[in-house]
PDB file of N, CA and C in Angstrom:
ATOM      1  N   UNK A   1       0.858  -1.178   0.000  1.00  0.00           N
ATOM      2  CA  UNK A   1       0.000   0.000   0.000  1.00  0.00           C
ATOM      3  C   UNK A   1       0.898   1.233   0.000  1.00  0.00           C
ATOM      4  N   UNK A   2       0.920   1.939  -1.120  1.00  0.00           N
ATOM      5  CA  UNK A   2       1.733   3.152  -1.212  1.00  0.00           C
ATOM      6  C   UNK A   2       0.840   4.362  -1.078  1.00  0.00           C
ATOM      7  N   UNK A   3       1.276   5.279  -0.215  1.00  0.00           N
ATOM      8  CA  UNK A   3       0.510   6.497   0.000  1.00  0.00           C
ATOM      9  C   UNK A   3       1.440   7.552   0.564  1.00  0.00           C
ATOM     10  N   UNK A   4       1.440   8.706  -0.057  1.00  0.00           N
ATOM     11  CA  UNK A   4       2.249   9.817   0.454  1.00  0.00           C
ATOM     12  C   UNK A   4       1.366  10.675   1.343  1.00  0.00           C
ATOM     13  N   UNK A   5       1.661  10.664   2.610  1.00  0.00           N
ATOM     14  CA  UNK A   5       0.887  11.454   3.560  1.00  0.00           C
ATOM     15  C   UNK A   5       1.363  12.898   3.558  1.00  0.00           C
ATOM     16  N   UNK A   6       0.416  13.832   3.615  1.00  0.00           N
ATOM     17  CA  UNK A   6       0.824  15.222   3.808  1.00  0.00           C
ATOM     18  C   UNK A   6       1.096  15.419   5.304  1.00  0.00           C
ATOM     19  N   UNK A   7       1.537  16.620   5.664  1.00  0.00           N
ATOM     20  CA  UNK A   7       1.948  16.881   7.050  1.00  0.00           C
ATOM     21  C   UNK A   7       0.832  16.579   8.061  1.00  0.00           C
ATOM     22  N   UNK A   8      -0.361  17.058   7.813  1.00  0.00           N
ATOM     23  CA  UNK A   8      -1.474  16.874   8.762  1.00  0.00           C
ATOM     24  C   UNK A   8      -1.910  15.412   8.833  1.00  0.00           C
ATOM     25  N   UNK A   9      -1.923  14.733   7.684  1.00  0.00           N
ATOM     26  CA  UNK A   9      -2.271  13.308   7.680  1.00  0.00           C
ATOM     27  C   UNK A   9      -1.247  12.503   8.469  1.00  0.00           C
ATOM     28  N   UNK A  10       0.012  12.839   8.270  1.00  0.00           N
ATOM     29  CA  UNK A  10       1.063  12.130   9.007  1.00  0.00           C
ATOM     30  C   UNK A  10       0.952  12.394  10.503  1.00  0.00           C
ATOM     31  N   UNK A  11       0.586  13.610  10.867  1.00  0.00           N
ATOM     32  CA  UNK A  11       0.406  13.948  12.283  1.00  0.00           C
ATOM     33  C   UNK A  11      -0.703  13.085  12.898  1.00  0.00           C
ATOM     34  N   UNK A  12      -1.808  12.928  12.190  1.00  0.00           N
ATOM     35  CA  UNK A  12      -2.910  12.089  12.670  1.00  0.00           C
ATOM     36  C   UNK A  12      -2.462  10.630  12.769  1.00  0.00           C
ATOM     37  N   UNK A  13      -1.744  10.145  11.759  1.00  0.00           N
ATOM     38  CA  UNK A  13      -1.282   8.756  11.785  1.00  0.00           C
ATOM     39  C   UNK A  13      -0.310   8.537  12.945  1.00  0.00           C
ATOM     40  N   UNK A  14       0.590   9.482  13.196  1.00  0.00           N
ATOM     41  CA  UNK A  14       1.531   9.341  14.313  1.00  0.00           C
ATOM     42  C   UNK A  14       0.776   9.202  15.633  1.00  0.00           C
ATOM     43  N   UNK A  15      -0.282   9.964  15.772  1.00  0.00           N
ATOM     44  CA  UNK A  15      -1.083   9.897  16.998  1.00  0.00           C
ATOM     45  C   UNK A  15      -1.787   8.549  17.097  1.00  0.00           C
ATOM     46  N   UNK A  16      -2.354   8.064  15.994  1.00  0.00           N
ATOM     47  CA  UNK A  16      -3.024   6.757  16.017  1.00  0.00           C
ATOM     48  C   UNK A  16      -2.023   5.629  16.284  1.00  0.00           C
ATOM     49  N   UNK A  17      -0.836   5.723  15.718  1.00  0.00           N
ATOM     50  CA  UNK A  17       0.186   4.703  16.001  1.00  0.00           C
ATOM     51  C   UNK A  17       0.544   4.713  17.484  1.00  0.00           C
ATOM     52  N   UNK A  18       0.582   5.879  18.075  1.00  0.00           N
ATOM     53  CA  UNK A  18       0.922   5.999  19.490  1.00  0.00           C
ATOM     54  C   UNK A  18      -0.212   5.493  20.384  1.00  0.00           C
ATOM     55  N   UNK A  19      -1.438   5.936  20.108  1.00  0.00           N
ATOM     56  CA  UNK A  19      -2.572   5.608  20.973  1.00  0.00           C
ATOM     57  C   UNK A  19      -3.206   4.244  20.662  1.00  0.00           C
ATOM     58  N   UNK A  20      -2.930   3.709  19.495  1.00  0.00           N
ATOM     59  CA  UNK A  20      -3.511   2.442  19.009  1.00  0.00           C
ATOM     60  C   UNK A  20      -4.961   2.622  18.544  1.00  0.00           C
ATOM     61  N   UNK A  21      -5.827   3.154  19.398  1.00  0.00           N
ATOM     62  CA  UNK A  21      -7.228   3.430  19.053  1.00  0.00           C
ATOM     63  C   UNK A  21      -7.602   4.765  19.687  1.00  0.00           C
ATOM     64  N   UNK A  22      -8.380   5.577  18.945  1.00  0.00           N
ATOM     65  CA  UNK A  22      -8.736   6.883  19.508  1.00  0.00           C
ATOM     66  C   UNK A  22      -9.959   7.468  18.819  1.00  0.00           C
ATOM     67  N   UNK A  23     -10.711   8.228  19.587  1.00  0.00           N
ATOM     68  CA  UNK A  23     -11.804   9.028  19.051  1.00  0.00           C
ATOM     69  C   UNK A  23     -11.211  10.336  18.532  1.00  0.00           C
ATOM     70  N   UNK A  24     -11.945  11.043  17.675  1.00  0.00           N
ATOM     71  CA  UNK A  24     -11.456  12.308  17.115  1.00  0.00           C
ATOM     72  C   UNK A  24     -11.022  13.255  18.231  1.00  0.00           C
ATOM     73  N   UNK A  25     -11.837  13.345  19.267  1.00  0.00           N
ATOM     74  CA  UNK A  25     -11.522  14.243  20.387  1.00  0.00           C
ATOM     75  C   UNK A  25     -10.164  13.901  21.009  1.00  0.00           C
ATOM     76  N   UNK A  26      -9.865  12.612  21.167  1.00  0.00           N
ATOM     77  CA  UNK A  26      -8.591  12.186  21.752  1.00  0.00           C
ATOM     78  C   UNK A  26      -7.417  12.503  20.820  1.00  0.00           C
ATOM     79  N   UNK A  27      -7.655  12.392  19.525  1.00  0.00           N
ATOM     80  CA  UNK A  27      -6.612  12.735  18.553  1.00  0.00           C
ATOM     81  C   UNK A  27      -6.292  14.219  18.661  1.00  0.00           C
ATOM     82  N   UNK A  28      -7.323  15.041  18.730  1.00  0.00           N
ATOM     83  CA  UNK A  28      -7.136  16.491  18.841  1.00  0.00           C
ATOM     84  C   UNK A  28      -6.381  16.841  20.120  1.00  0.00           C
ATOM     85  N   UNK A  29      -6.694  16.160  21.219  1.00  0.00           N
ATOM     86  CA  UNK A  29      -6.007  16.419  22.491  1.00  0.00           C
ATOM     87  C   UNK A  29      -4.502  16.199  22.389  1.00  0.00           C
ATOM     88  N   UNK A  30      -4.078  15.288  21.531  1.00  0.00           N
ATOM     89  CA  UNK A  30      -2.655  14.974  21.369  1.00  0.00           C
ATOM     90  C   UNK A  30      -1.935  15.964  20.449  1.00  0.00           C
ATOM     91  N   UNK A  31      -2.691  16.772  19.729  1.00  0.00           N
ATOM     92  CA  UNK A  31      -2.096  17.706  18.768  1.00  0.00           C
ATOM     93  C   UNK A  31      -1.571  18.951  19.483  1.00  0.00           C
ATOM     94  N   UNK A  32      -0.525  19.554  18.912  1.00  0.00           N
ATOM     95  CA  UNK A  32       0.027  20.764  19.536  1.00  0.00           C
ATOM     96  C   UNK A  32      -0.921  21.957  19.382  1.00  0.00           C
ATOM     97  N   UNK A  33      -0.749  22.931  20.257  1.00  0.00           N
ATOM     98  CA  UNK A  33      -1.513  24.169  20.157  1.00  0.00           C
ATOM     99  C   UNK A  33      -0.958  25.009  19.005  1.00  0.00           C
ATOM    100  N   UNK A  34      -1.759  25.743  18.311  1.00  0.00           N
ATOM    101  CA  UNK A  34      -3.211  25.823  18.444  1.00  0.00           C
ATOM    102  C   UNK A  34      -3.873  24.579  17.841  1.00  0.00           C
ATOM    103  N   UNK A  35      -4.839  24.032  18.564  1.00  0.00           N
ATOM    104  CA  UNK A  35      -5.532  22.824  18.134  1.00  0.00           C
ATOM    105  C   UNK A  35      -6.387  23.131  16.894  1.00  0.00           C
ATOM    106  N   UNK A  36      -6.367  22.217  15.927  1.00  0.00           N
ATOM    107  CA  UNK A  36      -7.219  22.425  14.751  1.00  0.00           C
ATOM    108  C   UNK A  36      -8.684  22.188  15.111  1.00  0.00           C
ATOM    109  N   UNK A  37      -9.599  22.733  14.313  1.00  0.00           N
ATOM    110  CA  UNK A  37     -11.021  22.495  14.566  1.00  0.00           C
ATOM    111  C   UNK A  37     -11.384  21.013  14.416  1.00  0.00           C
ATOM    112  N   UNK A  38     -12.381  20.592  15.154  1.00  0.00           N
ATOM    113  CA  UNK A  38     -12.867  19.209  15.124  1.00  0.00           C
ATOM    114  C   UNK A  38     -13.159  18.775  13.692  1.00  0.00           C
ATOM    115  N   UNK A  39     -13.867  19.635  12.940  1.00  0.00           N
ATOM    116  CA  UNK A  39     -14.263  19.274  11.570  1.00  0.00           C
ATOM    117  C   UNK A  39     -13.050  19.061  10.658  1.00  0.00           C
ATOM    118  N   UNK A  40     -11.999  19.802  10.882  1.00  0.00           N
ATOM    119  CA  UNK A  40     -10.777  19.645  10.079  1.00  0.00           C
ATOM    120  C   UNK A  40     -10.165  18.266  10.321  1.00  0.00           C
ATOM    121  N   UNK A  41     -10.037  17.894  11.577  1.00  0.00           N
ATOM    122  CA  UNK A  41      -9.457  16.591  11.915  1.00  0.00           C
ATOM    123  C   UNK A  41     -10.371  15.470  11.431  1.00  0.00           C
ATOM    124  N   UNK A  42     -11.651  15.656  11.585  1.00  0.00           N
ATOM    125  CA  UNK A  42     -12.619  14.669  11.116  1.00  0.00           C
ATOM    126  C   UNK A  42     -12.504  14.464   9.602  1.00  0.00           C
ATOM    127  N   UNK A  43     -12.297  15.535   8.854  1.00  0.00           N
ATOM    128  CA  UNK A  43     -12.129  15.445   7.395  1.00  0.00           C
ATOM    129  C   UNK A  43     -10.859  14.680   7.038  1.00  0.00           C
ATOM    130  N   UNK A  44      -9.785  14.948   7.758  1.00  0.00           N
ATOM    131  CA  UNK A  44      -8.523  14.235   7.521  1.00  0.00           C
ATOM    132  C   UNK A  44      -8.721  12.745   7.774  1.00  0.00           C
ATOM    133  N   UNK A  45      -9.419  12.431   8.846  1.00  0.00           N
ATOM    134  CA  UNK A  45      -9.668  11.039   9.200  1.00  0.00           C
ATOM    135  C   UNK A  45     -10.512  10.343   8.129  1.00  0.00           C
ATOM    136  N   UNK A  46     -11.541  11.011   7.647  1.00  0.00           N
ATOM    137  CA  UNK A  46     -12.380  10.413   6.591  1.00  0.00           C
ATOM    138  C   UNK A  46     -11.557  10.151   5.329  1.00  0.00           C
ATOM    139  N   UNK A  47     -10.659  11.073   4.992  1.00  0.00           N
ATOM    140  CA  UNK A  47      -9.797  10.890   3.814  1.00  0.00           C
ATOM    141  C   UNK A  47      -8.866   9.691   4.009  1.00  0.00           C
ATOM    142  N   UNK A  48      -8.265   9.578   5.200  1.00  0.00           N
ATOM    143  CA  UNK A  48      -7.387   8.448   5.490  1.00  0.00           C
ATOM    144  C   UNK A  48      -8.150   7.126   5.481  1.00  0.00           C
ATOM    145  N   UNK A  49      -9.372   7.163   5.970  1.00  0.00           N
ATOM    146  CA  UNK A  49     -10.187   5.951   5.972  1.00  0.00           C
ATOM    147  C   UNK A  49     -10.581   5.560   4.547  1.00  0.00           C
ATOM    148  N   UNK A  50     -10.937   6.541   3.730  1.00  0.00           N
ATOM    149  CA  UNK A  50     -11.298   6.267   2.330  1.00  0.00           C
ATOM    150  C   UNK A  50     -10.110   5.665   1.569  1.00  0.00           C
ATOM    151  N   UNK A  51      -8.904   6.041   1.961  1.00  0.00           N
ATOM    152  CA  UNK A  51      -7.693   5.513   1.327  1.00  0.00           C
ATOM    153  C   UNK A  51      -7.317   4.132   1.872  1.00  0.00           C
ATOM    154  N   UNK A  52      -8.036   3.660   2.882  1.00  0.00           N
ATOM    155  CA  UNK A  52      -7.769   2.345   3.447  1.00  0.00           C
ATOM    156  C   UNK A  52      -6.626   2.323   4.446  1.00  0.00           C
ATOM    157  N   UNK A  53      -6.250   3.499   4.949  1.00  0.00           N
ATOM    158  CA  UNK A  53      -5.119   3.576   5.866  1.00  0.00           C
ATOM    159  C   UNK A  53      -5.525   3.463   7.329  1.00  0.00           C
ATOM    160  N   UNK A  54      -6.772   3.784   7.625  1.00  0.00           N
ATOM    161  CA  UNK A  54      -7.306   3.619   8.972  1.00  0.00           C
ATOM    162  C   UNK A  54      -8.681   2.974   8.882  1.00  0.00           C
ATOM    163  N   UNK A  55      -9.112   2.405   9.981  1.00  0.00           N
ATOM    164  CA  UNK A  55     -10.438   1.821  10.084  1.00  0.00           C
ATOM    165  C   UNK A  55     -11.112   2.359  11.332  1.00  0.00           C
ATOM    166  N   UNK A  56     -12.343   1.895  11.573  1.00  0.00           N
ATOM    167  CA  UNK A  56     -13.035   2.368  12.779  1.00  0.00           C
ATOM    168  C   UNK A  56     -13.923   1.286  13.371  1.00  0.00           C
ATOM    169  N   UNK A  57     -14.216   1.476  14.646  1.00  0.00           N
ATOM    170  CA  UNK A  57     -15.215   0.700  15.363  1.00  0.00           C
ATOM    171  C   UNK A  57     -16.347   1.672  15.661  1.00  0.00           C
ATOM    172  N   UNK A  58     -17.567   1.249  15.422  1.00  0.00           N
ATOM    173  CA  UNK A  58     -18.709   2.132  15.662  1.00  0.00           C
ATOM    174  C   UNK A  58     -19.282   1.908  17.056  1.00  0.00           C
ATOM    175  N   UNK A  59     -19.590   3.014  17.721  1.00  0.00           N
ATOM    176  CA  UNK A  59     -20.271   3.021  19.007  1.00  0.00           C
ATOM    177  C   UNK A  59     -21.455   3.962  18.847  1.00  0.00           C
ATOM    178  N   UNK A  60     -22.544   3.445  18.291  1.00  0.00           N
ATOM    179  CA  UNK A  60     -23.663   4.317  17.953  1.00  0.00           C
ATOM    180  C   UNK A  60     -23.241   5.231  16.827  1.00  0.00           C
ATOM    181  N   UNK A  61     -23.373   6.533  17.037  1.00  0.00           N
ATOM    182  CA  UNK A  61     -22.976   7.505  16.014  1.00  0.00           C
ATOM    183  C   UNK A  61     -21.507   7.918  16.138  1.00  0.00           C
ATOM    184  N   UNK A  62     -20.825   7.417  17.158  1.00  0.00           N
ATOM    185  CA  UNK A  62     -19.434   7.770  17.398  1.00  0.00           C
ATOM    186  C   UNK A  62     -18.528   6.669  16.869  1.00  0.00           C
ATOM    187  N   UNK A  63     -17.367   7.062  16.378  1.00  0.00           N
ATOM    188  CA  UNK A  63     -16.401   6.097  15.863  1.00  0.00           C
ATOM    189  C   UNK A  63     -15.070   6.225  16.596  1.00  0.00           C
ATOM    190  N   UNK A  64     -14.482   5.066  16.861  1.00  0.00           N
ATOM    191  CA  UNK A  64     -13.128   5.022  17.404  1.00  0.00           C
ATOM    192  C   UNK A  64     -12.242   4.487  16.282  1.00  0.00           C
ATOM    193  N   UNK A  65     -11.170   5.219  15.986  1.00  0.00           N
ATOM    194  CA  UNK A  65     -10.332   4.920  14.834  1.00  0.00           C
ATOM    195  C   UNK A  65      -9.056   4.191  15.232  1.00  0.00           C
ATOM    196  N   UNK A  66      -8.526   3.440  14.272  1.00  0.00           N
ATOM    197  CA  UNK A  66      -7.273   2.711  14.461  1.00  0.00           C
ATOM    198  C   UNK A  66      -6.540   2.650  13.127  1.00  0.00           C
ATOM    199  N   UNK A  67      -5.227   2.555  13.201  1.00  0.00           N
ATOM    200  CA  UNK A  67      -4.403   2.500  11.994  1.00  0.00           C
ATOM    201  C   UNK A  67      -4.465   1.113  11.365  1.00  0.00           C
ATOM    202  N   UNK A  68      -4.621   1.078  10.067  1.00  0.00           N
ATOM    203  CA  UNK A  68      -4.471  -0.156   9.298  1.00  0.00           C
ATOM    204  C   UNK A  68      -3.055  -0.191   8.731  1.00  0.00           C
ATOM    205  N   UNK A  69      -2.619   0.960   8.236  1.00  0.00           N
ATOM    206  CA  UNK A  69      -1.253   1.096   7.743  1.00  0.00           C
ATOM    207  C   UNK A  69      -0.305   1.041   8.940  1.00  0.00           C
ATOM    208  N   UNK A  70       0.632   0.113   8.911  1.00  0.00           N
ATOM    209  CA  UNK A  70       1.589  -0.015  10.006  1.00  0.00           C
ATOM    210  C   UNK A  70       2.683   1.036   9.881  1.00  0.00           C
ATOM    211  N   UNK A  71       3.148   1.510  11.024  1.00  0.00           N
ATOM    212  CA  UNK A  71       4.171   2.552  11.052  1.00  0.00           C
ATOM    213  C   UNK A  71       5.431   2.110  10.308  1.00  0.00           C
ATOM    214  N   UNK A  72       5.892   0.879  10.528  1.00  0.00           N
ATOM    215  CA  UNK A  72       7.100   0.382   9.889  1.00  0.00           C
ATOM    216  C   UNK A  72       6.938   0.341   8.372  1.00  0.00           C
ATOM    217  N   UNK A  73       5.744  -0.033   7.928  1.00  0.00           N
ATOM    218  CA  UNK A  73       5.462  -0.099   6.498  1.00  0.00           C
ATOM    219  C   UNK A  73       5.534   1.303   5.886  1.00  0.00           C
ATOM    220  N   UNK A  74       4.930   2.279   6.548  1.00  0.00           N
ATOM    221  CA  UNK A  74       4.962   3.649   6.040  1.00  0.00           C
ATOM    222  C   UNK A  74       6.373   4.222   6.112  1.00  0.00           C
ATOM    223  N   UNK A  75       7.081   3.954   7.199  1.00  0.00           N
ATOM    224  CA  UNK A  75       8.446   4.467   7.356  1.00  0.00           C
ATOM    225  C   UNK A  75       9.321   3.994   6.201  1.00  0.00           C
ATOM    226  N   UNK A  76       9.185   2.730   5.831  1.00  0.00           N
ATOM    227  CA  UNK A  76       9.983   2.178   4.735  1.00  0.00           C
ATOM    228  C   UNK A  76       9.691   2.909   3.430  1.00  0.00           C
ATOM    229  N   UNK A  77       8.426   3.089   3.117  1.00  0.00           N
ATOM    230  CA  UNK A  77       8.029   3.787   1.890  1.00  0.00           C
ATOM    231  C   UNK A  77       8.456   5.250   1.924  1.00  0.00           C
ATOM    232  N   UNK A  78       8.214   5.915   3.055  1.00  0.00           N
ATOM    233  CA  UNK A  78       8.544   7.333   3.179  1.00  0.00           C
ATOM    234  C   UNK A  78      10.057   7.547   3.087  1.00  0.00           C
ATOM    235  N   UNK A  79      10.828   6.651   3.704  1.00  0.00           N
ATOM    236  CA  UNK A  79      12.277   6.828   3.663  1.00  0.00           C
ATOM    237  C   UNK A  79      12.819   6.605   2.261  1.00  0.00           C
ATOM    238  N   UNK A  80      12.281   5.611   1.553  1.00  0.00           N
ATOM    239  CA  UNK A  80      12.724   5.381   0.175  1.00  0.00           C
ATOM    240  C   UNK A  80      12.455   6.619  -0.678  1.00  0.00           C
ATOM    241  N   UNK A  81      11.292   7.219  -0.479  1.00  0.00           N
ATOM    242  CA  UNK A  81      10.940   8.431  -1.213  1.00  0.00           C
ATOM    243  C   UNK A  81      11.881   9.571  -0.827  1.00  0.00           C
ATOM    244  N   UNK A  82      12.133   9.745   0.466  1.00  0.00           N
ATOM    245  CA  UNK A  82      13.031  10.778   0.970  1.00  0.00           C
ATOM    246  C   UNK A  82      14.438  10.585   0.403  1.00  0.00           C
ATOM    247  N   UNK A  83      14.926   9.363   0.450  1.00  0.00           N
ATOM    248  CA  UNK A  83      16.258   9.037  -0.058  1.00  0.00           C
ATOM    249  C   UNK A  83      16.361   9.371  -1.539  1.00  0.00           C
ATOM    250  N   UNK A  84      15.357   9.007  -2.287  1.00  0.00           N
ATOM    251  CA  UNK A  84      15.340   9.276  -3.721  1.00  0.00           C
ATOM    252  C   UNK A  84      15.232  10.769  -4.025  1.00  0.00           C
ATOM    253  N   UNK A  85      14.319  11.458  -3.338  1.00  0.00           N
ATOM    254  CA  UNK A  85      14.059  12.875  -3.627  1.00  0.00           C
ATOM    255  C   UNK A  85      15.167  13.808  -3.170  1.00  0.00           C
ATOM    256  N   UNK A  86      15.825  13.505  -2.062  1.00  0.00           N
ATOM    257  CA  UNK A  86      16.793  14.433  -1.493  1.00  0.00           C
ATOM    258  C   UNK A  86      18.250  14.000  -1.623  1.00  0.00           C
ATOM    259  N   UNK A  87      18.476  12.703  -1.874  1.00  0.00           N
ATOM    260  CA  UNK A  87      19.849  12.219  -1.927  1.00  0.00           C
ATOM    261  C   UNK A  87      20.122  11.354  -3.160  1.00  0.00           C
ATOM    262  N   UNK A  88      19.255  11.479  -4.159  1.00  0.00           N
ATOM    263  CA  UNK A  88      19.463  10.733  -5.399  1.00  0.00           C
ATOM    264  C   UNK A  88      19.538   9.233  -5.200  1.00  0.00           C
ATOM    265  N   UNK A  89      18.927   8.741  -4.130  1.00  0.00           N
ATOM    266  CA  UNK A  89      18.932   7.309  -3.844  1.00  0.00           C
ATOM    267  C   UNK A  89      20.240   6.798  -3.265  1.00  0.00           C
ATOM    268  N   UNK A  90      21.158   7.696  -2.938  1.00  0.00           N
ATOM    269  CA  UNK A  90      22.487   7.309  -2.473  1.00  0.00           C
ATOM    270  C   UNK A  90      22.580   7.312  -0.945  1.00  0.00           C
ATOM    271  N   UNK A  91      22.811   6.145  -0.373  1.00  0.00           N
ATOM    272  CA  UNK A  91      23.022   6.033   1.069  1.00  0.00           C
ATOM    273  C   UNK A  91      24.317   6.755   1.448  1.00  0.00           C
ATOM    274  N   UNK A  92      25.308   6.693   0.567  1.00  0.00           N
ATOM    275  CA  UNK A  92      26.576   7.384   0.820  1.00  0.00           C
ATOM    276  C   UNK A  92      26.345   8.889   0.990  1.00  0.00           C
ATOM    277  N   UNK A  93      25.468   9.479   0.174  1.00  0.00           N
ATOM    278  CA  UNK A  93      25.168  10.905   0.308  1.00  0.00           C
ATOM    279  C   UNK A  93      24.464  11.207   1.627  1.00  0.00           C
ATOM    280  N   UNK A  94      23.622  10.280   2.090  1.00  0.00           N
ATOM    281  CA  UNK A  94      22.952  10.463   3.383  1.00  0.00           C
ATOM    282  C   UNK A  94      23.984  10.486   4.503  1.00  0.00           C
ATOM    283  N   UNK A  95      24.887   9.522   4.496  1.00  0.00           N
ATOM    284  CA  UNK A  95      25.917   9.451   5.536  1.00  0.00           C
ATOM    285  C   UNK A  95      26.802  10.690   5.470  1.00  0.00           C
ATOM    286  N   UNK A  96      27.166  11.091   4.268  1.00  0.00           N
ATOM    287  CA  UNK A  96      27.981  12.287   4.089  1.00  0.00           C
ATOM    288  C   UNK A  96      27.269  13.514   4.646  1.00  0.00           C
ATOM    289  N   UNK A  97      25.983  13.607   4.413  1.00  0.00           N
ATOM    290  CA  UNK A  97      25.202  14.718   4.951  1.00  0.00           C
ATOM    291  C   UNK A  97      25.293  14.740   6.479  1.00  0.00           C
ATOM    292  N   UNK A  98      25.100  13.585   7.098  1.00  0.00           N
ATOM    293  CA  UNK A  98      25.135  13.528   8.561  1.00  0.00           C
ATOM    294  C   UNK A  98      26.522  13.858   9.109  1.00  0.00           C
ATOM    295  N   UNK A  99      27.563  13.457   8.401  1.00  0.00           N
ATOM    296  CA  UNK A  99      28.916  13.773   8.851  1.00  0.00           C
ATOM    297  C   UNK A  99      29.176  15.270   8.736  1.00  0.00           C
ATOM    298  N   UNK A 100      28.808  15.857   7.601  1.00  0.00           N
ATOM    299  CA  UNK A 100      29.117  17.267   7.353  1.00  0.00           C
ATOM    300  C   UNK A 100      28.163  18.221   8.059  1.00  0.00           C
ATOM    301  N   UNK A 101      26.877  17.945   8.004  1.00  0.00           N
ATOM    302  CA  UNK A 101      25.874  18.892   8.495  1.00  0.00           C
ATOM    303  C   UNK A 101      25.446  18.643   9.939  1.00  0.00           C
ATOM    304  N   UNK A 102      25.353  17.394  10.307  1.00  0.00           N
ATOM    305  CA  UNK A 102      24.858  17.049  11.642  1.00  0.00           C
ATOM    306  C   UNK A 102      25.987  16.674  12.595  1.00  0.00           C
ATOM    307  N   UNK A 103      27.197  16.707  12.093  1.00  0.00           N
ATOM    308  CA  UNK A 103      28.396  16.481  12.906  1.00  0.00           C
ATOM    309  C   UNK A 103      28.373  15.144  13.652  1.00  0.00           C
ATOM    310  N   UNK A 104      28.043  14.083  12.909  1.00  0.00           N
ATOM    311  CA  UNK A 104      28.087  12.735  13.477  1.00  0.00           C
ATOM    312  C   UNK A 104      29.542  12.429  13.818  1.00  0.00           C
ATOM    313  N   UNK A 105      29.769  11.881  14.994  1.00  0.00           N
ATOM    314  CA  UNK A 105      31.132  11.623  15.463  1.00  0.00           C
ATOM    315  C   UNK A 105      31.707  10.352  14.833  1.00  0.00           C
ATOM    316  N   UNK A 106      33.040  10.260  14.797  1.00  0.00           N
ATOM    317  CA  UNK A 106      33.669   9.022  14.301  1.00  0.00           C
ATOM    318  C   UNK A 106      33.220   7.790  15.096  1.00  0.00           C
ATOM    319  N   UNK A 107      33.012   7.953  16.403  1.00  0.00           N
ATOM    320  CA  UNK A 107      32.556   6.831  17.232  1.00  0.00           C
ATOM    321  C   UNK A 107      31.174   6.355  16.773  1.00  0.00           C
ATOM    322  N   UNK A 108      30.287   7.298  16.493  1.00  0.00           N
ATOM    323  CA  UNK A 108      28.947   6.930  16.003  1.00  0.00           C
ATOM    324  C   UNK A 108      29.041   6.225  14.647  1.00  0.00           C
ATOM    325  N   UNK A 109      29.928   6.698  13.777  1.00  0.00           N
ATOM    326  CA  UNK A 109      30.117   6.045  12.478  1.00  0.00           C
ATOM    327  C   UNK A 109      30.662   4.636  12.647  1.00  0.00           C
ATOM    328  N   UNK A 110      31.612   4.461  13.564  1.00  0.00           N
ATOM    329  CA  UNK A 110      32.158   3.133  13.830  1.00  0.00           C
ATOM    330  C   UNK A 110      31.060   2.185  14.314  1.00  0.00           C
ATOM    331  N   UNK A 111      30.184   2.677  15.179  1.00  0.00           N
ATOM    332  CA  UNK A 111      29.074   1.858  15.677  1.00  0.00           C
ATOM    333  C   UNK A 111      28.131   1.477  14.534  1.00  0.00           C
ATOM    334  N   UNK A 112      27.908   2.406  13.626  1.00  0.00           N
ATOM    335  CA  UNK A 112      27.060   2.133  12.466  1.00  0.00           C
ATOM    336  C   UNK A 112      27.687   1.077  11.559  1.00  0.00           C
ATOM    337  N   UNK A 113      28.990   1.200  11.314  1.00  0.00           N
ATOM    338  CA  UNK A 113      29.702   0.217  10.491  1.00  0.00           C
ATOM    339  C   UNK A 113      29.616  -1.164  11.144  1.00  0.00           C
ATOM    340  N   UNK A 114      29.746  -1.204  12.450  1.00  0.00           N
ATOM    341  CA  UNK A 114      29.660  -2.474  13.176  1.00  0.00           C
ATOM    342  C   UNK A 114      28.261  -3.092  13.011  1.00  0.00           C
ATOM    343  N   UNK A 115      27.230  -2.272  13.088  1.00  0.00           N
ATOM    344  CA  UNK A 115      25.863  -2.770  12.890  1.00  0.00           C
ATOM    345  C   UNK A 115      25.682  -3.320  11.482  1.00  0.00           C
ATOM    346  N   UNK A 116      26.266  -2.641  10.507  1.00  0.00           N
ATOM    347  CA  UNK A 116      26.175  -3.103   9.114  1.00  0.00           C
ATOM    348  C   UNK A 116      26.879  -4.442   8.964  1.00  0.00           C
ATOM    349  N   UNK A 117      28.073  -4.563   9.550  1.00  0.00           N
ATOM    350  CA  UNK A 117      28.805  -5.835   9.497  1.00  0.00           C
ATOM    351  C   UNK A 117      28.001  -6.955  10.135  1.00  0.00           C
ATOM    352  N   UNK A 118      27.426  -6.686  11.293  1.00  0.00           N
ATOM    353  CA  UNK A 118      26.640  -7.713  11.991  1.00  0.00           C
ATOM    354  C   UNK A 118      25.410  -8.108  11.179  1.00  0.00           C
ATOM    355  N   UNK A 119      24.790  -7.162  10.534  1.00  0.00           N
ATOM    356  CA  UNK A 119      23.620  -7.466   9.708  1.00  0.00           C
ATOM    357  C   UNK A 119      24.022  -8.304   8.508  1.00  0.00           C
ATOM    358  N   UNK A 120      25.155  -8.001   7.903  1.00  0.00           N
ATOM    359  CA  UNK A 120      25.654  -8.777   6.757  1.00  0.00           C
ATOM    360  C   UNK A 120      25.973 -10.201   7.169  1.00  0.00           C
ATOM    361  N   UNK A 121      26.585 -10.371   8.338  1.00  0.00           N
ATOM    362  CA  UNK A 121      26.917 -11.707   8.832  1.00  0.00           C
ATOM    363  C   UNK A 121      25.659 -12.523   9.063  1.00  0.00           C
ATOM    364  N   UNK A 122      24.599 -11.876   9.523  1.00  0.00           N
ATOM    365  CA  UNK A 122      23.329 -12.556   9.737  1.00  0.00           C
ATOM    366  C   UNK A 122      22.696 -13.005   8.439  1.00  0.00           C
ATOM    367  N   UNK A 123      22.949 -12.250   7.350  1.00  0.00           N
ATOM    368  CA  UNK A 123      22.421 -12.623   6.040  1.00  0.00           C
ATOM    369  C   UNK A 123      23.121 -13.840   5.466  1.00  0.00           C
ATOM    370  N   UNK A 124      24.393 -14.041   5.828  1.00  0.00           N
ATOM    371  CA  UNK A 124      25.198 -15.137   5.282  1.00  0.00           C
ATOM    372  C   UNK A 124      24.777 -16.493   5.852  1.00  0.00           C
ATOM    373  N   UNK A 125      24.095 -16.471   6.970  1.00  0.00           N
ATOM    374  CA  UNK A 125      23.758 -17.741   7.640  1.00  0.00           C
ATOM    375  C   UNK A 125      22.598 -18.422   6.972  1.00  0.00           C
TER     376      UNK A 125
END
């Protein structure tokens, strides 16, 4: 399931991933100030539900929502898009960015290299 979430949609999904299940009111409570209007959040939720990314349980006229799209699944898709759009698909450019711009330390890089080696060794088995 591929879907590019806009900022507000992603904010709602992050809240649902955190809370697991929530009513619109509970989602709004988790949002930063200034809080968006109820109808705005409700519209975002209906759009996400129409896209098959969230579902709901009905309690009379009230609905409690939950994520269908898993966070890990979205993270993978979003990161691939980010990598492609901002770094030409190059992991080397990402690492270079972190070294130059974010001042990643040599110790942190060594730990990353060690994780890569361990992951490769696990693939060989």
